[in-house]
Amino acid sequence: MSTSIDDLLSFDEEPAGEARRPGGGRARWVLRTLAVTAAIVVVVVVGLRAVGLQVSLWVIVAGVLAVLAVRRVTAELSPPPPSRAGARGPAGEEPGTWNWSSRDALRAAINGWERPLDWCSDNRERFTGRVLPRLGELADERLRQKHGVTRESDPARARALLGEPLWTFLGTPARRPPSPRDLAVIVAELEKL
């Protein structure tokens, strides 16, 4: 049997779920459910008798049927699995929509700043304990990358590079959290490093 490259690269849609079911659907489903129920009931009864417990057979049958019914309902209500065909996006322009549920590094980085800033917007202790150390780490990293110093290794040179307002902001706890405008000025100063 020979297969051409076109046969290997062609894509055919899978038939719908209803079209795949062979004839005798309802009768086959009932027989299958009864067989599975009987098998599970036998295992449960044997297990209970092995440990010395006796439970009414009808209670066990009702329990197994209830579990099977819940399993079937949840299977019917579950969302369809993601398609594998859409795993790779087409080349060229992006569609212009953003998948907010995806987990990408940019969203994680934004959330890493967005949540603490929102949480600390009106609480000085929270801002001083959560956001200010992060800003200090960011300033130290920028100083280290661009100038080879940190605030701890060479305070005099770091103070000169940061400037007096930024040095004071990072070194002394604020009486109140800075406003968004003040924070924008601080971030702009950090970006100038």
C-alpha atoms as a PDB file:
ATOM      1  CA  MET A   1       0.000   0.000   0.000  1.00  0.00           C
ATOM      2  CA  SER A   2       1.462   3.365  -0.994  1.00  0.00           C
ATOM      3  CA  THR A   3       0.575   6.667   0.592  1.00  0.00           C
ATOM      4  CA  SER A   4       1.248  10.008  -1.006  1.00  0.00           C
ATOM      5  CA  ILE A   5       2.477  13.093   0.799  1.00  0.00           C
ATOM      6  CA  ASP A   6      -0.920  14.721   0.169  1.00  0.00           C
ATOM      7  CA  ASP A   7      -2.646  11.871   2.017  1.00  0.00           C
ATOM      8  CA  LEU A   8      -0.337  12.334   4.994  1.00  0.00           C
ATOM      9  CA  LEU A   9      -0.832  16.096   5.150  1.00  0.00           C
ATOM     10  CA  SER A  10      -4.583  16.196   4.543  1.00  0.00           C
ATOM     11  CA  PHE A  11      -6.931  16.768   7.442  1.00  0.00           C
ATOM     12  CA  ASP A  12     -10.415  15.291   7.663  1.00  0.00           C
ATOM     13  CA  GLU A  13     -12.910  16.346  10.301  1.00  0.00           C
ATOM     14  CA  GLU A  14     -13.869  13.631  12.760  1.00  0.00           C
ATOM     15  CA  PRO A  15     -17.512  12.602  12.561  1.00  0.00           C
ATOM     16  CA  ALA A  16     -19.818  14.003  15.205  1.00  0.00           C
ATOM     17  CA  GLY A  17     -20.397  12.031  18.416  1.00  0.00           C
ATOM     18  CA  GLU A  18     -23.914  10.946  17.444  1.00  0.00           C
ATOM     19  CA  ALA A  19     -22.794   9.671  14.031  1.00  0.00           C
ATOM     20  CA  ARG A  20     -20.168   7.397  15.633  1.00  0.00           C
ATOM     21  CA  ARG A  21     -22.640   5.431  17.742  1.00  0.00           C
ATOM     22  CA  PRO A  22     -23.611   2.114  16.212  1.00  0.00           C
ATOM     23  CA  GLY A  23     -27.237   0.997  16.017  1.00  0.00           C
ATOM     24  CA  GLY A  24     -29.190  -0.156  19.067  1.00  0.00           C
ATOM     25  CA  GLY A  25     -27.988   2.775  21.186  1.00  0.00           C
ATOM     26  CA  ARG A  26     -30.536   2.791  24.011  1.00  0.00           C
ATOM     27  CA  ALA A  27     -30.759  -1.004  24.449  1.00  0.00           C
ATOM     28  CA  ARG A  28     -26.980  -1.315  24.353  1.00  0.00           C
ATOM     29  CA  TRP A  29     -26.617   1.487  26.912  1.00  0.00           C
ATOM     30  CA  VAL A  30     -29.132  -0.157  29.293  1.00  0.00           C
ATOM     31  CA  LEU A  31     -27.433  -3.573  28.998  1.00  0.00           C
ATOM     32  CA  ARG A  32     -24.002  -2.004  29.540  1.00  0.00           C
ATOM     33  CA  THR A  33     -25.240  -0.073  32.593  1.00  0.00           C
ATOM     34  CA  LEU A  34     -26.802  -3.214  34.082  1.00  0.00           C
ATOM     35  CA  ALA A  35     -23.607  -5.216  33.507  1.00  0.00           C
ATOM     36  CA  VAL A  36     -21.406  -2.531  35.072  1.00  0.00           C
ATOM     37  CA  THR A  37     -23.835  -2.191  37.996  1.00  0.00           C
ATOM     38  CA  ALA A  38     -23.882  -5.949  38.586  1.00  0.00           C
ATOM     39  CA  ALA A  39     -20.079  -6.152  38.493  1.00  0.00           C
ATOM     40  CA  ILE A  40     -19.640  -3.284  40.933  1.00  0.00           C
ATOM     41  CA  VAL A  41     -22.347  -4.646  43.266  1.00  0.00           C
ATOM     42  CA  VAL A  42     -20.657  -8.056  43.350  1.00  0.00           C
ATOM     43  CA  VAL A  43     -17.302  -6.473  44.213  1.00  0.00           C
ATOM     44  CA  VAL A  44     -18.845  -4.280  46.934  1.00  0.00           C
ATOM     45  CA  VAL A  45     -20.816  -7.171  48.476  1.00  0.00           C
ATOM     46  CA  VAL A  46     -17.744  -9.431  48.513  1.00  0.00           C
ATOM     47  CA  GLY A  47     -15.660  -6.624  50.040  1.00  0.00           C
ATOM     48  CA  LEU A  48     -18.231  -5.891  52.730  1.00  0.00           C
ATOM     49  CA  ARG A  49     -18.668  -9.561  53.600  1.00  0.00           C
ATOM     50  CA  ALA A  50     -14.876  -9.947  53.813  1.00  0.00           C
ATOM     51  CA  VAL A  51     -14.736  -7.353  56.561  1.00  0.00           C
ATOM     52  CA  GLY A  52     -17.832  -8.739  58.297  1.00  0.00           C
ATOM     53  CA  LEU A  53     -20.432  -6.148  57.293  1.00  0.00           C
ATOM     54  CA  GLN A  54     -23.860  -6.839  55.866  1.00  0.00           C
ATOM     55  CA  VAL A  55     -25.794  -4.201  53.945  1.00  0.00           C
ATOM     56  CA  SER A  56     -29.042  -4.662  52.074  1.00  0.00           C
ATOM     57  CA  LEU A  57     -28.480  -5.595  48.445  1.00  0.00           C
ATOM     58  CA  TRP A  58     -30.988  -2.962  47.286  1.00  0.00           C
ATOM     59  CA  VAL A  59     -29.138  -0.207  49.114  1.00  0.00           C
ATOM     60  CA  ILE A  60     -25.911  -1.182  47.378  1.00  0.00           C
ATOM     61  CA  VAL A  61     -27.633  -1.356  43.977  1.00  0.00           C
ATOM     62  CA  ALA A  62     -29.248   2.054  44.528  1.00  0.00           C
ATOM     63  CA  GLY A  63     -25.920   3.545  45.601  1.00  0.00           C
ATOM     64  CA  VAL A  64     -24.070   2.173  42.575  1.00  0.00           C
ATOM     65  CA  LEU A  65     -26.796   3.391  40.199  1.00  0.00           C
ATOM     66  CA  ALA A  66     -26.682   6.838  41.817  1.00  0.00           C
ATOM     67  CA  VAL A  67     -22.917   7.038  41.390  1.00  0.00           C
ATOM     68  CA  LEU A  68     -23.174   5.934  37.757  1.00  0.00           C
ATOM     69  CA  ALA A  69     -25.931   8.506  37.118  1.00  0.00           C
ATOM     70  CA  VAL A  70     -23.857  11.319  38.617  1.00  0.00           C
ATOM     71  CA  ARG A  71     -20.872  10.204  36.572  1.00  0.00           C
ATOM     72  CA  ARG A  72     -22.926  10.248  33.370  1.00  0.00           C
ATOM     73  CA  VAL A  73     -24.448  13.668  34.085  1.00  0.00           C
ATOM     74  CA  THR A  74     -21.060  15.216  34.829  1.00  0.00           C
ATOM     75  CA  ALA A  75     -19.607  13.663  31.659  1.00  0.00           C
ATOM     76  CA  GLU A  76     -22.445  15.159  29.606  1.00  0.00           C
ATOM     77  CA  LEU A  77     -22.038  18.588  31.199  1.00  0.00           C
ATOM     78  CA  SER A  78     -18.252  18.775  30.936  1.00  0.00           C
ATOM     79  CA  PRO A  79     -16.859  21.118  28.279  1.00  0.00           C
ATOM     80  CA  PRO A  80     -15.426  19.554  25.163  1.00  0.00           C
ATOM     81  CA  PRO A  81     -11.675  18.998  25.153  1.00  0.00           C
ATOM     82  CA  PRO A  82      -9.623  21.681  23.396  1.00  0.00           C
ATOM     83  CA  SER A  83      -9.036  20.990  19.745  1.00  0.00           C
ATOM     84  CA  ARG A  84      -5.561  19.893  18.812  1.00  0.00           C
ATOM     85  CA  ALA A  85      -5.835  21.468  15.370  1.00  0.00           C
ATOM     86  CA  GLY A  86      -5.835  24.969  16.864  1.00  0.00           C
ATOM     87  CA  ALA A  87      -2.706  24.417  18.926  1.00  0.00           C
ATOM     88  CA  ARG A  88      -0.554  26.226  16.414  1.00  0.00           C
ATOM     89  CA  GLY A  89      -1.679  29.658  15.305  1.00  0.00           C
ATOM     90  CA  PRO A  90      -1.557  30.764  11.703  1.00  0.00           C
ATOM     91  CA  ALA A  91       1.405  32.802  10.555  1.00  0.00           C
ATOM     92  CA  GLY A  92       0.874  36.469   9.783  1.00  0.00           C
ATOM     93  CA  GLU A  93      -1.280  38.958  11.602  1.00  0.00           C
ATOM     94  CA  GLU A  94      -2.707  38.223  15.003  1.00  0.00           C
ATOM     95  CA  PRO A  95      -6.496  38.017  15.195  1.00  0.00           C
ATOM     96  CA  GLY A  96      -6.686  41.051  17.511  1.00  0.00           C
ATOM     97  CA  THR A  97      -8.176  39.210  20.471  1.00  0.00           C
ATOM     98  CA  TRP A  98      -6.477  38.361  23.733  1.00  0.00           C
ATOM     99  CA  ASN A  99      -6.917  35.083  25.543  1.00  0.00           C
ATOM    100  CA  TRP A 100      -7.115  36.309  29.149  1.00  0.00           C
ATOM    101  CA  SER A 101      -7.367  32.792  30.536  1.00  0.00           C
ATOM    102  CA  SER A 102      -3.974  31.735  29.193  1.00  0.00           C
ATOM    103  CA  ARG A 103      -1.038  31.663  31.573  1.00  0.00           C
ATOM    104  CA  ASP A 104       1.803  33.633  30.118  1.00  0.00           C
ATOM    105  CA  ALA A 105       4.820  35.219  31.758  1.00  0.00           C
ATOM    106  CA  LEU A 106       3.779  38.796  30.965  1.00  0.00           C
ATOM    107  CA  ARG A 107       0.408  38.370  32.667  1.00  0.00           C
ATOM    108  CA  ALA A 108       2.098  36.752  35.681  1.00  0.00           C
ATOM    109  CA  ALA A 109       4.544  39.670  35.927  1.00  0.00           C
ATOM    110  CA  ILE A 110       1.755  42.235  35.648  1.00  0.00           C
ATOM    111  CA  ASN A 111      -0.280  40.437  38.304  1.00  0.00           C
ATOM    112  CA  GLY A 112       2.837  40.304  40.476  1.00  0.00           C
ATOM    113  CA  TRP A 113       2.696  44.106  40.672  1.00  0.00           C
ATOM    114  CA  GLU A 114      -1.000  44.793  40.142  1.00  0.00           C
ATOM    115  CA  ARG A 115      -2.321  42.808  43.081  1.00  0.00           C
ATOM    116  CA  PRO A 116       0.060  44.158  45.751  1.00  0.00           C
ATOM    117  CA  LEU A 117      -0.397  47.737  44.514  1.00  0.00           C
ATOM    118  CA  ASP A 118      -4.170  47.395  44.634  1.00  0.00           C
ATOM    119  CA  TRP A 119      -4.055  45.680  48.020  1.00  0.00           C
ATOM    120  CA  CYS A 120      -1.759  48.388  49.477  1.00  0.00           C
ATOM    121  CA  SER A 121      -3.440  51.419  47.939  1.00  0.00           C
ATOM    122  CA  ASP A 122      -4.692  52.802  51.256  1.00  0.00           C
ATOM    123  CA  ASN A 123      -2.575  51.037  53.872  1.00  0.00           C
ATOM    124  CA  ARG A 124       0.888  52.398  54.709  1.00  0.00           C
ATOM    125  CA  GLU A 125       2.083  49.299  56.564  1.00  0.00           C
ATOM    126  CA  ARG A 126       1.172  47.015  53.705  1.00  0.00           C
ATOM    127  CA  PHE A 127       2.862  49.311  51.190  1.00  0.00           C
ATOM    128  CA  THR A 128       6.008  49.549  53.298  1.00  0.00           C
ATOM    129  CA  GLY A 129       6.117  45.801  53.890  1.00  0.00           C
ATOM    130  CA  ARG A 130       5.163  44.532  50.404  1.00  0.00           C
ATOM    131  CA  VAL A 131       5.738  47.052  47.616  1.00  0.00           C
ATOM    132  CA  LEU A 132       8.642  49.157  48.868  1.00  0.00           C
ATOM    133  CA  PRO A 133      11.004  46.138  49.210  1.00  0.00           C
ATOM    134  CA  ARG A 134      10.136  45.089  45.653  1.00  0.00           C
ATOM    135  CA  LEU A 135      10.886  48.560  44.368  1.00  0.00           C
ATOM    136  CA  GLY A 136      14.186  48.462  46.262  1.00  0.00           C
ATOM    137  CA  GLU A 137      15.059  45.112  44.684  1.00  0.00           C
ATOM    138  CA  LEU A 138      14.176  46.511  41.276  1.00  0.00           C
ATOM    139  CA  ALA A 139      16.396  49.554  41.861  1.00  0.00           C
ATOM    140  CA  ASP A 140      19.272  47.363  43.069  1.00  0.00           C
ATOM    141  CA  GLU A 141      18.929  45.116  40.028  1.00  0.00           C
ATOM    142  CA  ARG A 142      18.948  48.084  37.640  1.00  0.00           C
ATOM    143  CA  LEU A 143      21.987  49.529  39.420  1.00  0.00           C
ATOM    144  CA  ARG A 144      23.763  46.186  39.310  1.00  0.00           C
ATOM    145  CA  GLN A 145      23.062  45.593  35.629  1.00  0.00           C
ATOM    146  CA  LYS A 146      23.874  49.089  34.385  1.00  0.00           C
ATOM    147  CA  HIS A 147      26.533  50.272  36.834  1.00  0.00           C
ATOM    148  CA  GLY A 148      27.836  47.236  38.726  1.00  0.00           C
ATOM    149  CA  VAL A 149      26.797  48.477  42.188  1.00  0.00           C
ATOM    150  CA  THR A 150      23.926  48.052  44.619  1.00  0.00           C
ATOM    151  CA  ARG A 151      22.666  50.268  47.404  1.00  0.00           C
ATOM    152  CA  GLU A 152      24.363  47.987  49.904  1.00  0.00           C
ATOM    153  CA  SER A 153      27.698  47.475  48.140  1.00  0.00           C
ATOM    154  CA  ASP A 154      28.411  51.177  47.373  1.00  0.00           C
ATOM    155  CA  PRO A 155      25.853  53.442  49.027  1.00  0.00           C
ATOM    156  CA  ALA A 156      27.511  56.730  48.024  1.00  0.00           C
ATOM    157  CA  ARG A 157      27.660  55.895  44.316  1.00  0.00           C
ATOM    158  CA  ALA A 158      24.161  54.341  44.384  1.00  0.00           C
ATOM    159  CA  ARG A 159      22.800  57.502  46.025  1.00  0.00           C
ATOM    160  CA  ALA A 160      24.379  59.661  43.333  1.00  0.00           C
ATOM    161  CA  LEU A 161      23.010  57.433  40.543  1.00  0.00           C
ATOM    162  CA  LEU A 162      19.505  57.188  42.006  1.00  0.00           C
ATOM    163  CA  GLY A 163      19.151  60.843  42.876  1.00  0.00           C
ATOM    164  CA  GLU A 164      18.078  62.265  46.197  1.00  0.00           C
ATOM    165  CA  PRO A 165      14.259  61.888  45.815  1.00  0.00           C
ATOM    166  CA  LEU A 166      14.431  58.232  44.781  1.00  0.00           C
ATOM    167  CA  TRP A 167      17.090  57.441  47.400  1.00  0.00           C
ATOM    168  CA  THR A 168      14.937  59.009  50.123  1.00  0.00           C
ATOM    169  CA  PHE A 169      11.799  57.233  48.918  1.00  0.00           C
ATOM    170  CA  LEU A 170      13.509  53.820  48.941  1.00  0.00           C
ATOM    171  CA  GLY A 171      15.289  54.383  52.249  1.00  0.00           C
ATOM    172  CA  THR A 172      12.586  55.837  54.473  1.00  0.00           C
ATOM    173  CA  PRO A 173       9.079  54.472  54.982  1.00  0.00           C
ATOM    174  CA  ALA A 174       6.404  56.832  53.713  1.00  0.00           C
ATOM    175  CA  ARG A 175       3.745  58.287  55.965  1.00  0.00           C
ATOM    176  CA  ARG A 176       1.141  57.264  53.406  1.00  0.00           C
ATOM    177  CA  PRO A 177       1.249  55.188  50.231  1.00  0.00           C
ATOM    178  CA  PRO A 178       2.187  57.293  47.214  1.00  0.00           C
ATOM    179  CA  SER A 179      -0.521  58.323  44.780  1.00  0.00           C
ATOM    180  CA  PRO A 180      -0.556  56.748  41.338  1.00  0.00           C
ATOM    181  CA  ARG A 181       0.980  59.945  39.934  1.00  0.00           C
ATOM    182  CA  ASP A 182       3.832  59.856  42.490  1.00  0.00           C
ATOM    183  CA  LEU A 183       4.387  56.176  41.793  1.00  0.00           C
ATOM    184  CA  ALA A 184       4.555  56.898  38.050  1.00  0.00           C
ATOM    185  CA  VAL A 185       7.291  59.489  38.707  1.00  0.00           C
ATOM    186  CA  ILE A 186       9.231  56.948  40.814  1.00  0.00           C
ATOM    187  CA  VAL A 187       8.961  54.289  38.109  1.00  0.00           C
ATOM    188  CA  ALA A 188      10.081  56.801  35.479  1.00  0.00           C
ATOM    189  CA  GLU A 189      13.150  57.591  37.598  1.00  0.00           C
ATOM    190  CA  LEU A 190      13.907  53.877  37.919  1.00  0.00           C
ATOM    191  CA  GLU A 191      13.632  53.468  34.159  1.00  0.00           C
ATOM    192  CA  LYS A 192      16.177  56.259  33.618  1.00  0.00           C
ATOM    193  CA  LEU A 193      18.865  54.276  35.402  1.00  0.00           C
END
